[in-house]
Amino acid sequence: MRLLRLAAVAALLPVVMAGPSIAAQAPELPVIGKWANPKNTLAVETKPCAQGNLCGEIVWASNDALSDAKEAGVDKLIGTQLLQDYRPEGHGSWSGRVYVPDMGRSFSSRIKLTSPDTLAISGCLVGGFLCKTQVWHRVA
């Protein structure tokens, strides 16, 4: 009997040990990647962050964007978290906060994957009113 239990444990050991590596191989979310704004002045890399949320950090900025940010009091634009704590809502939509460097403020926001290579990012000033949407495109 003891030999049978030992054999069962030994048979399950490879499955248990493979568990984390199987999870690591799960397909990535389609929204993960690098995205450029409509004017191609900023690039953001989206990736998972705390508690299964989605965040996006500025990884590239044009000289004009760097200058505009500096005038608004943002000295270090590269590395700034533009997309903050987006929670999945289903059907390719996420809600969170977007940081607007030119204004030095964050606003409530929604993002929606509108195609494999386009991401609509909406930000609203007050309680869902006075909203603006930009369509960002995936970059390699």
N, C-alpha and C. Protein backbone atom coordinates (compact mmCIF):
# COMPACT_ATOMS: atom_id res chain seq x y z
N MET A 1 0.82 -1.19 0.00
CA MET A 1 0.00 0.00 0.00
C MET A 1 0.87 1.26 0.00
N ARG A 2 1.88 1.25 0.88
CA ARG A 2 2.78 2.40 0.94
C ARG A 2 3.51 2.60 -0.38
N LEU A 3 3.89 1.52 -1.03
CA LEU A 3 4.57 1.57 -2.32
C LEU A 3 3.65 2.16 -3.39
N LEU A 4 2.36 1.85 -3.32
CA LEU A 4 1.39 2.37 -4.28
C LEU A 4 1.24 3.89 -4.12
N ARG A 5 1.18 4.39 -2.86
CA ARG A 5 1.09 5.84 -2.63
C ARG A 5 2.34 6.55 -3.12
N LEU A 6 3.48 5.97 -2.88
CA LEU A 6 4.74 6.54 -3.33
C LEU A 6 4.79 6.61 -4.85
N ALA A 7 4.30 5.56 -5.51
CA ALA A 7 4.26 5.55 -6.97
C ALA A 7 3.32 6.63 -7.50
N ALA A 8 2.18 6.85 -6.82
CA ALA A 8 1.22 7.87 -7.25
C ALA A 8 1.83 9.27 -7.11
N VAL A 9 2.51 9.50 -5.99
CA VAL A 9 3.17 10.80 -5.77
C VAL A 9 4.25 11.01 -6.81
N ALA A 10 5.02 9.99 -7.09
CA ALA A 10 6.09 10.09 -8.08
C ALA A 10 5.53 10.37 -9.47
N ALA A 11 4.37 9.80 -9.78
CA ALA A 11 3.75 10.03 -11.09
C ALA A 11 3.23 11.45 -11.22
N LEU A 12 2.74 12.04 -10.13
CA LEU A 12 2.20 13.39 -10.17
C LEU A 12 3.26 14.48 -10.05
N LEU A 13 4.42 14.14 -9.56
CA LEU A 13 5.47 15.13 -9.33
C LEU A 13 5.82 15.93 -10.59
N PRO A 14 6.00 15.32 -11.77
CA PRO A 14 6.32 16.12 -12.96
C PRO A 14 5.21 17.11 -13.31
N VAL A 15 3.95 16.73 -13.09
CA VAL A 15 2.83 17.63 -13.38
C VAL A 15 2.85 18.84 -12.44
N VAL A 16 3.06 18.57 -11.15
CA VAL A 16 3.11 19.65 -10.16
C VAL A 16 4.29 20.57 -10.44
N MET A 17 5.42 20.01 -10.74
CA MET A 17 6.61 20.82 -11.01
C MET A 17 6.47 21.62 -12.29
N ALA A 18 5.72 21.12 -13.26
CA ALA A 18 5.55 21.83 -14.52
C ALA A 18 4.52 22.95 -14.42
N GLY A 19 3.72 22.94 -13.35
CA GLY A 19 2.64 23.93 -13.20
C GLY A 19 3.06 25.36 -13.45
N PRO A 20 4.08 25.90 -12.74
CA PRO A 20 4.47 27.28 -12.97
C PRO A 20 4.96 27.55 -14.39
N SER A 21 5.65 26.61 -14.99
CA SER A 21 6.15 26.85 -16.33
C SER A 21 5.02 26.82 -17.35
N ILE A 22 3.99 26.00 -17.08
CA ILE A 22 2.82 26.00 -17.98
C ILE A 22 2.12 27.34 -17.89
N ALA A 23 1.95 27.88 -16.68
CA ALA A 23 1.30 29.18 -16.52
C ALA A 23 2.11 30.27 -17.21
N ALA A 24 3.43 30.18 -17.12
CA ALA A 24 4.29 31.19 -17.74
C ALA A 24 4.19 31.16 -19.26
N GLN A 25 3.77 30.01 -19.81
CA GLN A 25 3.66 29.90 -21.26
C GLN A 25 2.28 30.29 -21.77
N ALA A 26 1.36 30.68 -20.87
CA ALA A 26 0.02 31.07 -21.29
C ALA A 26 0.12 32.24 -22.26
N PRO A 27 -0.79 32.31 -23.24
CA PRO A 27 -0.72 33.39 -24.22
C PRO A 27 -0.88 34.76 -23.55
N GLU A 28 -0.14 35.72 -24.04
CA GLU A 28 -0.20 37.07 -23.48
C GLU A 28 -1.51 37.74 -23.89
N LEU A 29 -1.90 38.72 -23.10
CA LEU A 29 -3.07 39.51 -23.45
C LEU A 29 -2.78 40.30 -24.71
N PRO A 30 -3.75 40.43 -25.61
CA PRO A 30 -3.51 41.16 -26.85
C PRO A 30 -3.15 42.63 -26.65
N VAL A 31 -3.51 43.19 -25.50
CA VAL A 31 -3.24 44.61 -25.24
C VAL A 31 -1.80 44.85 -24.79
N ILE A 32 -1.07 43.78 -24.47
CA ILE A 32 0.32 43.90 -24.04
C ILE A 32 1.20 44.24 -25.25
N GLY A 33 2.08 45.22 -25.10
CA GLY A 33 2.99 45.57 -26.18
C GLY A 33 3.38 47.03 -26.15
N LYS A 34 3.91 47.50 -27.27
CA LYS A 34 4.30 48.91 -27.39
C LYS A 34 3.32 49.61 -28.31
N TRP A 35 2.91 50.82 -27.89
CA TRP A 35 1.90 51.59 -28.59
C TRP A 35 2.37 53.02 -28.77
N ALA A 36 2.08 53.62 -29.93
CA ALA A 36 2.44 55.02 -30.20
C ALA A 36 1.17 55.85 -30.32
N ASN A 37 1.27 57.09 -29.84
CA ASN A 37 0.11 57.99 -29.92
C ASN A 37 -0.11 58.42 -31.38
N PRO A 38 -1.24 59.08 -31.67
CA PRO A 38 -1.56 59.44 -33.06
C PRO A 38 -0.51 60.32 -33.75
N LYS A 39 0.16 61.16 -32.99
CA LYS A 39 1.18 62.05 -33.58
C LYS A 39 2.57 61.43 -33.60
N ASN A 40 2.68 60.20 -33.11
CA ASN A 40 3.98 59.51 -33.02
C ASN A 40 5.00 60.30 -32.21
N THR A 41 4.53 60.94 -31.13
CA THR A 41 5.44 61.69 -30.27
C THR A 41 5.74 60.97 -28.96
N LEU A 42 4.96 59.90 -28.67
CA LEU A 42 5.16 59.11 -27.46
C LEU A 42 4.97 57.63 -27.79
N ALA A 43 5.74 56.79 -27.12
CA ALA A 43 5.52 55.34 -27.18
C ALA A 43 5.40 54.83 -25.75
N VAL A 44 4.42 53.98 -25.53
CA VAL A 44 4.14 53.42 -24.22
C VAL A 44 4.22 51.90 -24.31
N GLU A 45 4.83 51.28 -23.31
CA GLU A 45 4.83 49.83 -23.25
C GLU A 45 3.84 49.39 -22.18
N THR A 46 2.84 48.61 -22.59
CA THR A 46 1.85 48.11 -21.65
C THR A 46 2.27 46.73 -21.16
N LYS A 47 2.01 46.49 -19.87
CA LYS A 47 2.35 45.20 -19.27
C LYS A 47 1.55 45.03 -17.99
N PRO A 48 1.45 43.78 -17.51
CA PRO A 48 0.74 43.54 -16.25
C PRO A 48 1.44 44.26 -15.10
N CYS A 49 0.62 44.72 -14.14
CA CYS A 49 1.18 45.33 -12.93
C CYS A 49 0.42 44.76 -11.73
N ALA A 50 0.43 45.44 -10.62
CA ALA A 50 -0.11 44.92 -9.37
C ALA A 50 -1.54 44.41 -9.50
N GLN A 51 -1.82 43.32 -8.82
CA GLN A 51 -3.16 42.75 -8.68
C GLN A 51 -3.81 42.41 -10.02
N GLY A 52 -3.01 42.01 -11.00
CA GLY A 52 -3.57 41.60 -12.29
C GLY A 52 -4.04 42.74 -13.15
N ASN A 53 -3.71 43.96 -12.77
CA ASN A 53 -4.09 45.13 -13.55
C ASN A 53 -3.12 45.34 -14.71
N LEU A 54 -3.40 46.34 -15.51
CA LEU A 54 -2.57 46.68 -16.66
C LEU A 54 -2.02 48.09 -16.46
N CYS A 55 -0.74 48.28 -16.75
CA CYS A 55 -0.11 49.60 -16.66
C CYS A 55 0.67 49.86 -17.93
N GLY A 56 1.00 51.11 -18.18
CA GLY A 56 1.78 51.48 -19.35
C GLY A 56 2.76 52.57 -19.03
N GLU A 57 4.02 52.32 -19.37
CA GLU A 57 5.11 53.24 -19.07
C GLU A 57 5.65 53.84 -20.36
N ILE A 58 5.97 55.13 -20.32
CA ILE A 58 6.53 55.80 -21.49
C ILE A 58 7.95 55.27 -21.71
N VAL A 59 8.19 54.75 -22.93
CA VAL A 59 9.51 54.18 -23.25
C VAL A 59 10.24 55.01 -24.30
N TRP A 60 9.53 55.92 -24.95
CA TRP A 60 10.16 56.79 -25.95
C TRP A 60 9.34 58.06 -26.07
N ALA A 61 10.01 59.17 -26.31
CA ALA A 61 9.33 60.45 -26.51
C ALA A 61 10.13 61.30 -27.49
N SER A 62 9.42 62.02 -28.35
CA SER A 62 10.09 62.92 -29.30
C SER A 62 10.63 64.12 -28.52
N ASN A 63 11.49 64.89 -29.17
CA ASN A 63 12.03 66.09 -28.53
C ASN A 63 10.92 67.08 -28.18
N ASP A 64 9.91 67.19 -29.07
CA ASP A 64 8.78 68.09 -28.79
C ASP A 64 8.02 67.65 -27.54
N ALA A 65 7.78 66.34 -27.41
CA ALA A 65 7.07 65.84 -26.23
C ALA A 65 7.89 66.06 -24.96
N LEU A 66 9.18 65.84 -25.05
CA LEU A 66 10.05 66.08 -23.90
C LEU A 66 10.03 67.54 -23.49
N SER A 67 10.05 68.43 -24.48
CA SER A 67 10.02 69.87 -24.21
C SER A 67 8.69 70.29 -23.59
N ASP A 68 7.57 69.78 -24.16
CA ASP A 68 6.24 70.11 -23.63
C ASP A 68 6.10 69.64 -22.18
N ALA A 69 6.60 68.44 -21.90
CA ALA A 69 6.52 67.90 -20.55
C ALA A 69 7.35 68.74 -19.58
N LYS A 70 8.52 69.13 -20.04
CA LYS A 70 9.40 69.94 -19.18
C LYS A 70 8.73 71.28 -18.84
N GLU A 71 8.08 71.89 -19.84
CA GLU A 71 7.37 73.16 -19.61
C GLU A 71 6.24 72.98 -18.59
N ALA A 72 5.66 71.77 -18.55
CA ALA A 72 4.57 71.47 -17.60
C ALA A 72 5.10 71.03 -16.24
N GLY A 73 6.44 70.99 -16.08
CA GLY A 73 7.03 70.63 -14.80
C GLY A 73 7.39 69.16 -14.65
N VAL A 74 7.33 68.41 -15.76
CA VAL A 74 7.69 66.99 -15.72
C VAL A 74 9.11 66.88 -16.28
N ASP A 75 10.08 66.71 -15.40
CA ASP A 75 11.48 66.66 -15.83
C ASP A 75 11.87 65.33 -16.46
N LYS A 76 11.28 64.24 -15.96
CA LYS A 76 11.66 62.90 -16.44
C LYS A 76 10.43 62.24 -17.07
N LEU A 77 10.29 62.36 -18.37
CA LEU A 77 9.13 61.79 -19.06
C LEU A 77 9.31 60.30 -19.32
N ILE A 78 10.49 59.90 -19.80
CA ILE A 78 10.75 58.48 -20.05
C ILE A 78 10.71 57.74 -18.71
N GLY A 79 9.94 56.67 -18.64
CA GLY A 79 9.78 55.92 -17.40
C GLY A 79 8.54 56.31 -16.62
N THR A 80 7.88 57.39 -17.03
CA THR A 80 6.66 57.82 -16.35
C THR A 80 5.53 56.85 -16.68
N GLN A 81 4.75 56.50 -15.67
CA GLN A 81 3.62 55.60 -15.88
C GLN A 81 2.44 56.43 -16.41
N LEU A 82 2.15 56.26 -17.69
CA LEU A 82 1.06 56.99 -18.35
C LEU A 82 -0.28 56.32 -18.09
N LEU A 83 -0.32 54.99 -18.21
CA LEU A 83 -1.54 54.21 -18.00
C LEU A 83 -1.42 53.56 -16.62
N GLN A 84 -2.37 53.86 -15.74
CA GLN A 84 -2.24 53.48 -14.34
C GLN A 84 -3.38 52.57 -13.88
N ASP A 85 -3.03 51.37 -13.45
CA ASP A 85 -3.95 50.45 -12.77
C ASP A 85 -5.26 50.20 -13.51
N TYR A 86 -5.17 49.78 -14.75
CA TYR A 86 -6.37 49.46 -15.54
C TYR A 86 -6.86 48.07 -15.16
N ARG A 87 -8.14 47.99 -14.86
CA ARG A 87 -8.79 46.73 -14.51
C ARG A 87 -9.60 46.24 -15.70
N PRO A 88 -9.56 44.93 -15.96
CA PRO A 88 -10.31 44.40 -17.10
C PRO A 88 -11.82 44.53 -16.89
N GLU A 89 -12.51 44.92 -17.96
CA GLU A 89 -13.97 45.02 -17.92
C GLU A 89 -14.61 44.00 -18.85
N GLY A 90 -13.79 43.30 -19.62
CA GLY A 90 -14.31 42.32 -20.57
C GLY A 90 -14.38 42.89 -21.97
N HIS A 91 -14.41 42.00 -22.95
CA HIS A 91 -14.53 42.37 -24.37
C HIS A 91 -13.43 43.34 -24.81
N GLY A 92 -12.22 43.18 -24.29
CA GLY A 92 -11.09 44.00 -24.71
C GLY A 92 -11.07 45.40 -24.12
N SER A 93 -11.91 45.65 -23.10
CA SER A 93 -11.96 46.97 -22.45
C SER A 93 -11.35 46.92 -21.06
N TRP A 94 -10.74 48.02 -20.68
CA TRP A 94 -10.11 48.17 -19.37
C TRP A 94 -10.43 49.55 -18.83
N SER A 95 -10.54 49.71 -17.52
CA SER A 95 -10.74 51.03 -16.93
C SER A 95 -9.65 51.29 -15.90
N GLY A 96 -9.22 52.55 -15.84
CA GLY A 96 -8.16 52.92 -14.91
C GLY A 96 -7.98 54.43 -14.93
N ARG A 97 -6.72 54.85 -14.88
CA ARG A 97 -6.40 56.29 -14.89
C ARG A 97 -5.31 56.54 -15.91
N VAL A 98 -5.41 57.67 -16.59
CA VAL A 98 -4.38 58.07 -17.55
C VAL A 98 -3.73 59.35 -17.04
N TYR A 99 -2.41 59.36 -17.07
CA TYR A 99 -1.65 60.54 -16.66
C TYR A 99 -1.40 61.38 -17.90
N VAL A 100 -1.71 62.68 -17.81
CA VAL A 100 -1.48 63.60 -18.92
C VAL A 100 -0.30 64.49 -18.54
N PRO A 101 0.89 64.19 -19.09
CA PRO A 101 2.09 64.92 -18.69
C PRO A 101 2.00 66.43 -18.89
N ASP A 102 1.37 66.87 -19.98
CA ASP A 102 1.26 68.31 -20.25
C ASP A 102 0.48 69.04 -19.16
N MET A 103 -0.42 68.31 -18.49
CA MET A 103 -1.24 68.91 -17.43
C MET A 103 -0.75 68.54 -16.04
N GLY A 104 0.12 67.51 -15.96
CA GLY A 104 0.63 67.07 -14.67
C GLY A 104 -0.45 66.44 -13.80
N ARG A 105 -1.49 65.85 -14.43
CA ARG A 105 -2.61 65.27 -13.68
C ARG A 105 -3.03 63.93 -14.28
N SER A 106 -3.72 63.14 -13.45
CA SER A 106 -4.30 61.88 -13.91
C SER A 106 -5.82 62.01 -13.96
N PHE A 107 -6.42 61.30 -14.92
CA PHE A 107 -7.86 61.35 -15.11
C PHE A 107 -8.42 59.95 -15.27
N SER A 108 -9.71 59.80 -14.97
CA SER A 108 -10.35 58.50 -15.18
C SER A 108 -10.30 58.19 -16.67
N SER A 109 -10.17 56.91 -16.98
CA SER A 109 -9.90 56.54 -18.36
C SER A 109 -10.41 55.14 -18.66
N ARG A 110 -10.62 54.91 -19.93
CA ARG A 110 -10.93 53.57 -20.43
C ARG A 110 -10.06 53.33 -21.65
N ILE A 111 -9.65 52.10 -21.82
CA ILE A 111 -8.97 51.72 -23.06
C ILE A 111 -9.72 50.54 -23.65
N LYS A 112 -9.70 50.48 -24.97
CA LYS A 112 -10.36 49.38 -25.66
C LYS A 112 -9.52 48.99 -26.85
N LEU A 113 -9.25 47.71 -26.95
CA LEU A 113 -8.55 47.16 -28.10
C LEU A 113 -9.55 47.11 -29.25
N THR A 114 -9.39 47.97 -30.24
CA THR A 114 -10.36 48.04 -31.34
C THR A 114 -9.98 47.15 -32.50
N SER A 115 -8.73 46.76 -32.58
CA SER A 115 -8.24 45.78 -33.54
C SER A 115 -6.93 45.27 -32.96
N PRO A 116 -6.33 44.23 -33.54
CA PRO A 116 -5.06 43.75 -32.98
C PRO A 116 -3.97 44.81 -32.91
N ASP A 117 -4.08 45.86 -33.75
CA ASP A 117 -3.02 46.87 -33.80
C ASP A 117 -3.49 48.28 -33.46
N THR A 118 -4.70 48.43 -32.93
CA THR A 118 -5.17 49.76 -32.53
C THR A 118 -5.80 49.71 -31.14
N LEU A 119 -5.52 50.75 -30.37
CA LEU A 119 -5.97 50.85 -28.99
C LEU A 119 -6.59 52.23 -28.80
N ALA A 120 -7.87 52.28 -28.47
CA ALA A 120 -8.54 53.56 -28.21
C ALA A 120 -8.38 53.88 -26.73
N ILE A 121 -7.81 55.04 -26.44
CA ILE A 121 -7.60 55.48 -25.06
C ILE A 121 -8.44 56.74 -24.84
N SER A 122 -9.38 56.66 -23.89
CA SER A 122 -10.26 57.79 -23.57
C SER A 122 -9.93 58.28 -22.17
N GLY A 123 -9.91 59.59 -22.01
CA GLY A 123 -9.71 60.20 -20.70
C GLY A 123 -10.79 61.22 -20.48
N CYS A 124 -11.32 61.29 -19.26
CA CYS A 124 -12.42 62.19 -18.93
C CYS A 124 -12.03 63.10 -17.78
N LEU A 125 -12.35 64.39 -17.93
CA LEU A 125 -11.98 65.36 -16.91
C LEU A 125 -12.77 65.20 -15.63
N VAL A 126 -14.11 65.16 -15.74
CA VAL A 126 -14.95 65.15 -14.53
C VAL A 126 -16.05 64.10 -14.67
N GLY A 127 -16.00 63.07 -13.84
CA GLY A 127 -17.08 62.09 -13.74
C GLY A 127 -17.63 61.56 -15.05
N GLY A 128 -16.78 61.31 -16.01
CA GLY A 128 -17.23 60.75 -17.28
C GLY A 128 -17.66 61.80 -18.29
N PHE A 129 -17.50 63.08 -17.96
CA PHE A 129 -17.85 64.15 -18.88
C PHE A 129 -16.58 64.79 -19.43
N LEU A 130 -16.73 65.54 -20.49
CA LEU A 130 -15.60 66.20 -21.13
C LEU A 130 -14.49 65.20 -21.43
N CYS A 131 -14.82 64.21 -22.23
CA CYS A 131 -13.90 63.13 -22.56
C CYS A 131 -13.22 63.36 -23.91
N LYS A 132 -12.04 62.81 -24.05
CA LYS A 132 -11.30 62.85 -25.30
C LYS A 132 -10.75 61.46 -25.56
N THR A 133 -10.82 61.02 -26.81
CA THR A 133 -10.32 59.70 -27.19
C THR A 133 -9.23 59.85 -28.22
N GLN A 134 -8.17 59.09 -28.05
CA GLN A 134 -7.10 58.99 -29.04
C GLN A 134 -6.97 57.54 -29.45
N VAL A 135 -6.67 57.32 -30.72
CA VAL A 135 -6.44 55.96 -31.21
C VAL A 135 -4.94 55.78 -31.39
N TRP A 136 -4.36 54.89 -30.59
CA TRP A 136 -2.94 54.60 -30.63
C TRP A 136 -2.72 53.37 -31.50
N HIS A 137 -1.53 53.24 -32.08
CA HIS A 137 -1.23 52.09 -32.93
C HIS A 137 -0.03 51.32 -32.38
N ARG A 138 -0.07 50.01 -32.63
CA ARG A 138 1.00 49.13 -32.15
C ARG A 138 2.28 49.41 -32.93
N VAL A 139 3.40 49.40 -32.21
CA VAL A 139 4.71 49.56 -32.85
C VAL A 139 5.55 48.34 -32.53
N ALA A 140 6.50 48.07 -33.41
CA ALA A 140 7.35 46.88 -33.22
C ALA A 140 8.39 47.11 -32.16
